[in-house]
Each structure stands twice: as C-alpha cells, then as structure tokens.
C-alpha cells in the first residue's frame, strides 16, 4: 500500500505521481474535490487540473459527499489512484465521518489502489487534523468537534509551511500527542510498509 502525502499539487506533477511506480500512461486518478466545496478561491484547483492535463495524467473528478459506498466503489472500479485534493480540512473530515468513507477507503486499499493526499487530503491520513487549525479557513469548522482522523500514518503534519510560521508551529508542538512532520510547498512524504520517505525540494524542516 502506497500513501503519498503532499503539501501542494505542483509537487505531485513534478515528482509525486512518479513515486507511485505506475507508468504515466496507465495512471488513472479518481480526483476527489470535496474539500474544495468549502473554500472560496479555487484557483489552486484549476492550476492542478490544467497541469495534470498538460502532463498527460488521466483523471476524473468526483465528490464523495452524499455518496453511498457502492457509488464510490463503482467510480473507482477502473482507477488505480485515489487522490484527495485540498480545501477545508474540517469540511472534508466531516463528510468522511458522515458517509463512513474510512471503511470504503479500506476496501479501495484492499483492491490495490494507491493513495495521494494534497493539503487537506494529507491531513486526514494523520491520527488527528488538529494542526490544520493553523491553516487557511481554520475558523470554519462546520460543527466538527471530533478531530480524530484516519490514522494511516503515525505522525501529525503541517503543510504549506513557511518560515514565518515557526513560532506558532513551535507552540502547537507542545500540545501534540504525536510527532510532527513539516512540509513546505514542493515537498511530500511517501509512506510504504512502515517506511516514510521525505521527497521534494530542499531539506525537511525539523523544529
């Protein structure tokens, strides 16, 4: 099972998708855009869509909100990558809990699909999404109080990190139950068989 967690889509186009070891012409991405429904500026979505198209990656957009397990499994029947795109992490996790997507995702993994999560899609694979409180749209929780996430990796994440965030990140580290991994845009972590490989531009930030 391969899980690729990224800060942003640009990294995925340059390096990330290649790490899945699927020939480009055989990559079939189910691109879940549910988290984007809770943000106003969708330019990042259009940039990623344009880049995927230009680089020749096959993808289909999908919104999991309100979908049954069978509907989701049918959509992914001819796909080999689940890519959950960024947006509002709280909204995304709320939808996941409402539809029981954790159980559906497990079935997709059993079928051999790889997982790619960018931004919000990366946060939800951690034990909790509490670090996303430091992110954009952090004041919009959509009534979500239980921040327990899918727990596929043994660490919390901070994505979209920039140096001016250092003090606020150091403060939240003091409250965390889990270790924190930090990603700038252009960076990611590949998880496979309990190995966690840092990828991308520059060095990994460690605080």
Protein backbone atom coordinates (compact mmCIF):
# COMPACT_ATOMS: atom_id res chain seq x y z
CA UNK A 1 0.00 0.00 0.00
CA UNK A 2 1.44 3.33 -1.06
CA UNK A 3 0.37 6.59 0.54
CA UNK A 4 1.77 9.85 -0.76
CA UNK A 5 1.18 12.98 1.32
CA UNK A 6 1.89 16.32 -0.31
CA UNK A 7 1.71 19.96 0.63
CA UNK A 8 0.58 21.07 -2.83
CA UNK A 9 -0.27 19.84 -6.30
CA UNK A 10 2.78 21.24 -8.03
CA UNK A 11 4.97 18.74 -6.21
CA UNK A 12 2.78 15.90 -7.41
CA UNK A 13 3.12 16.87 -11.06
CA UNK A 14 6.89 17.24 -10.83
CA UNK A 15 7.84 14.27 -8.64
CA UNK A 16 4.98 12.79 -6.66
CA UNK A 17 2.94 10.74 -9.10
CA UNK A 18 6.15 9.16 -10.43
CA UNK A 19 6.85 7.76 -6.96
CA UNK A 20 3.77 5.56 -7.26
CA UNK A 21 5.70 3.43 -9.80
CA UNK A 22 2.79 3.31 -12.21
CA UNK A 23 3.65 4.09 -15.86
CA UNK A 24 2.20 7.51 -16.71
CA UNK A 25 0.05 6.12 -19.50
CA UNK A 26 -1.51 3.66 -17.03
CA UNK A 27 -2.20 6.12 -14.21
CA UNK A 28 -5.95 6.52 -13.66
CA UNK A 29 -6.71 9.03 -10.92
CA UNK A 30 -10.00 9.40 -9.11
CA UNK A 31 -9.67 13.05 -8.10
CA UNK A 32 -11.81 13.82 -5.04
CA UNK A 33 -12.53 17.55 -4.87
CA UNK A 34 -14.94 17.53 -1.91
CA UNK A 35 -12.76 19.72 0.34
CA UNK A 36 -12.79 22.49 -2.27
CA UNK A 37 -16.54 23.00 -1.80
CA UNK A 38 -15.85 24.83 1.45
CA UNK A 39 -13.38 27.42 0.14
CA UNK A 40 -13.97 30.47 -2.00
CA UNK A 41 -10.78 30.71 -4.05
CA UNK A 42 -10.47 27.74 -6.37
CA UNK A 43 -7.50 28.89 -8.45
CA UNK A 44 -5.34 26.11 -6.96
CA UNK A 45 -7.84 23.57 -8.24
CA UNK A 46 -7.77 24.98 -11.76
CA UNK A 47 -3.95 25.09 -11.76
CA UNK A 48 -3.71 21.48 -10.73
CA UNK A 49 -6.32 20.37 -13.24
CA UNK A 50 -4.52 22.22 -16.03
CA UNK A 51 -1.15 20.76 -15.03
CA UNK A 52 -2.47 17.19 -14.84
CA UNK A 53 -3.97 17.57 -18.29
CA UNK A 54 -0.81 19.08 -19.78
CA UNK A 55 1.36 16.32 -18.29
CA UNK A 56 -0.91 13.62 -19.69
CA UNK A 57 -2.28 12.22 -16.46
CA UNK A 58 -5.74 10.67 -16.76
CA UNK A 59 -8.14 11.81 -14.05
CA UNK A 60 -11.83 12.09 -13.31
CA UNK A 61 -13.29 14.50 -10.76
CA UNK A 62 -15.54 13.16 -8.02
CA UNK A 63 -17.37 14.49 -4.97
CA UNK A 64 -17.84 11.91 -2.22
CA UNK A 65 -20.38 13.97 -0.26
CA UNK A 66 -23.73 12.19 -0.09
CA UNK A 67 -22.44 9.16 -1.99
CA UNK A 68 -23.03 5.58 -0.91
CA UNK A 69 -20.23 3.06 -0.57
CA UNK A 70 -21.37 1.32 -3.77
CA UNK A 71 -21.37 4.58 -5.71
CA UNK A 72 -17.81 5.31 -4.59
CA UNK A 73 -16.58 1.78 -5.29
CA UNK A 74 -18.18 1.87 -8.74
CA UNK A 75 -16.49 5.18 -9.53
CA UNK A 76 -13.08 3.82 -8.55
CA UNK A 77 -13.59 0.45 -10.27
CA UNK A 78 -11.40 1.48 -13.23
CA UNK A 79 -8.98 3.68 -11.24
CA UNK A 80 -5.66 2.86 -9.58
CA UNK A 81 -5.12 6.09 -7.61
CA UNK A 82 -7.31 7.79 -5.02
CA UNK A 83 -6.28 11.45 -4.92
CA UNK A 84 -8.00 13.58 -2.30
CA UNK A 85 -7.41 17.23 -3.08
CA UNK A 86 -7.07 20.14 -0.68
CA UNK A 87 -9.54 22.70 0.58
CA UNK A 88 -11.12 22.92 4.03
CA UNK A 89 -9.87 20.02 6.14
CA UNK A 90 -12.69 20.28 8.67
CA UNK A 91 -15.37 20.09 5.97
CA UNK A 92 -13.63 17.13 4.35
CA UNK A 93 -13.35 15.18 7.61
CA UNK A 94 -16.97 15.96 8.45
CA UNK A 95 -18.10 14.46 5.15
CA UNK A 96 -15.82 11.43 5.64
CA UNK A 97 -17.41 10.73 9.03
CA UNK A 98 -20.94 11.24 7.69
CA UNK A 99 -20.62 8.75 4.84
CA UNK A 100 -18.28 6.24 6.51
CA UNK A 101 -15.59 6.81 3.90
CA UNK A 102 -12.97 5.29 6.21
CA UNK A 103 -14.48 1.85 5.56
CA UNK A 104 -14.74 2.49 1.83
CA UNK A 105 -11.13 3.65 1.64
CA UNK A 106 -10.03 0.45 3.36
CA UNK A 107 -11.78 -1.56 0.63
CA UNK A 108 -10.05 0.51 -2.05
CA UNK A 109 -6.69 -0.24 -0.44
CA UNK A 110 -7.59 -3.94 -0.41
CA UNK A 111 -8.14 -3.67 -4.17
CA UNK A 112 -4.60 -2.31 -4.54
CA UNK A 113 -5.25 1.37 -5.16
CA UNK A 114 -2.60 3.91 -4.18
CA UNK A 115 -3.49 7.00 -2.16
CA UNK A 116 -2.44 10.56 -2.82
CA UNK A 117 -3.44 13.36 -0.49
CA UNK A 118 -2.58 17.00 -1.01
CA UNK A 119 -3.06 19.56 1.78
CA UNK A 120 -6.42 18.63 3.39
CA UNK A 121 -6.14 15.22 1.75
CA UNK A 122 -2.81 14.75 3.53
CA UNK A 123 -4.05 15.97 6.92
CA UNK A 124 -6.86 13.40 7.08
CA UNK A 125 -4.41 10.49 6.92
CA UNK A 126 -2.86 11.58 10.23
CA UNK A 127 -4.17 10.50 13.65
CA UNK A 128 -5.91 13.88 14.00
CA UNK A 129 -6.31 17.07 11.96
CA UNK A 130 -5.63 19.38 14.90
CA UNK A 131 -2.60 21.02 13.25
CA UNK A 132 -4.83 22.22 10.42
CA UNK A 133 -6.09 24.83 12.90
CA UNK A 134 -3.01 26.80 11.84
CA UNK A 135 -4.06 26.74 8.19
CA UNK A 136 -6.29 28.69 5.88
CA UNK A 137 -10.03 28.71 6.68
CA UNK A 138 -9.13 27.45 10.16
CA UNK A 139 -12.04 29.34 11.70
CA UNK A 140 -14.60 27.32 9.69
CA UNK A 141 -15.11 24.01 11.47
CA UNK A 142 -18.63 23.24 10.16
CA UNK A 143 -19.68 21.94 13.57
CA UNK A 144 -16.92 19.32 13.65
CA UNK A 145 -15.72 18.74 17.21
CA UNK A 146 -14.10 15.31 16.93
CA UNK A 147 -10.82 15.91 15.08
CA UNK A 148 -9.82 12.24 15.05
CA UNK A 149 -8.74 11.38 11.52
CA UNK A 150 -7.96 8.19 9.57
CA UNK A 151 -4.67 7.34 11.33
CA UNK A 152 -2.78 5.79 8.42
CA UNK A 153 0.49 7.47 9.40
CA UNK A 154 1.92 7.75 12.94
CA UNK A 155 2.53 11.49 12.88
CA UNK A 156 0.78 14.82 12.51
CA UNK A 157 1.50 17.11 9.58
CA UNK A 158 1.89 20.81 8.94
CA UNK A 159 1.60 21.59 5.24
CA UNK A 160 2.16 24.86 3.37
CA UNK A 161 4.85 25.71 5.90
CA UNK A 162 6.77 28.98 5.57
CA UNK A 163 9.48 30.32 7.87
CA UNK A 164 7.22 33.00 9.38
CA UNK A 165 5.11 30.20 10.90
CA UNK A 166 7.93 28.92 13.09
CA UNK A 167 6.75 30.35 16.41
CA UNK A 168 3.12 29.25 16.03
CA UNK A 169 4.22 25.76 14.96
CA UNK A 170 6.61 25.51 17.92
CA UNK A 171 3.71 26.41 20.22
CA UNK A 172 1.36 23.78 18.82
CA UNK A 173 4.09 21.11 19.00
CA UNK A 174 3.93 21.48 22.80
CA UNK A 175 0.31 20.32 22.77
CA UNK A 176 0.59 17.42 20.31
CA UNK A 177 0.33 13.77 21.26
CA UNK A 178 2.06 12.70 18.03
CA UNK A 179 5.34 13.72 16.36
CA UNK A 180 5.03 16.47 13.78
CA UNK A 181 6.35 16.31 10.21
CA UNK A 182 6.54 19.60 8.33
CA UNK A 183 6.10 20.12 4.59
CA UNK A 184 6.72 23.19 2.50
CA UNK A 185 5.03 23.50 -0.86
CA UNK A 186 7.08 21.38 -3.25
CA UNK A 187 7.59 18.62 -0.67
CA UNK A 188 5.92 15.36 0.29
CA UNK A 189 6.23 12.11 2.22
CA UNK A 190 5.86 8.66 0.68
CA UNK A 191 4.62 6.00 3.11
CA UNK A 192 5.00 2.33 2.25
CA UNK A 193 5.39 -0.71 4.51
CA UNK A 194 6.03 1.48 7.58
CA UNK A 195 8.77 3.38 5.76
CA UNK A 196 8.34 7.14 5.46
CA UNK A 197 10.45 8.80 2.77
CA UNK A 198 10.76 12.58 2.54
CA UNK A 199 10.67 13.89 -1.03
CA UNK A 200 10.86 17.19 -2.87
CA UNK A 201 12.74 20.47 -2.97
CA UNK A 202 15.11 21.44 -0.17
CA UNK A 203 15.62 19.96 3.26
CA UNK A 204 12.90 18.77 5.60
CA UNK A 205 12.11 21.33 8.30
CA UNK A 206 12.62 19.98 11.80
CA UNK A 207 11.66 22.03 14.85
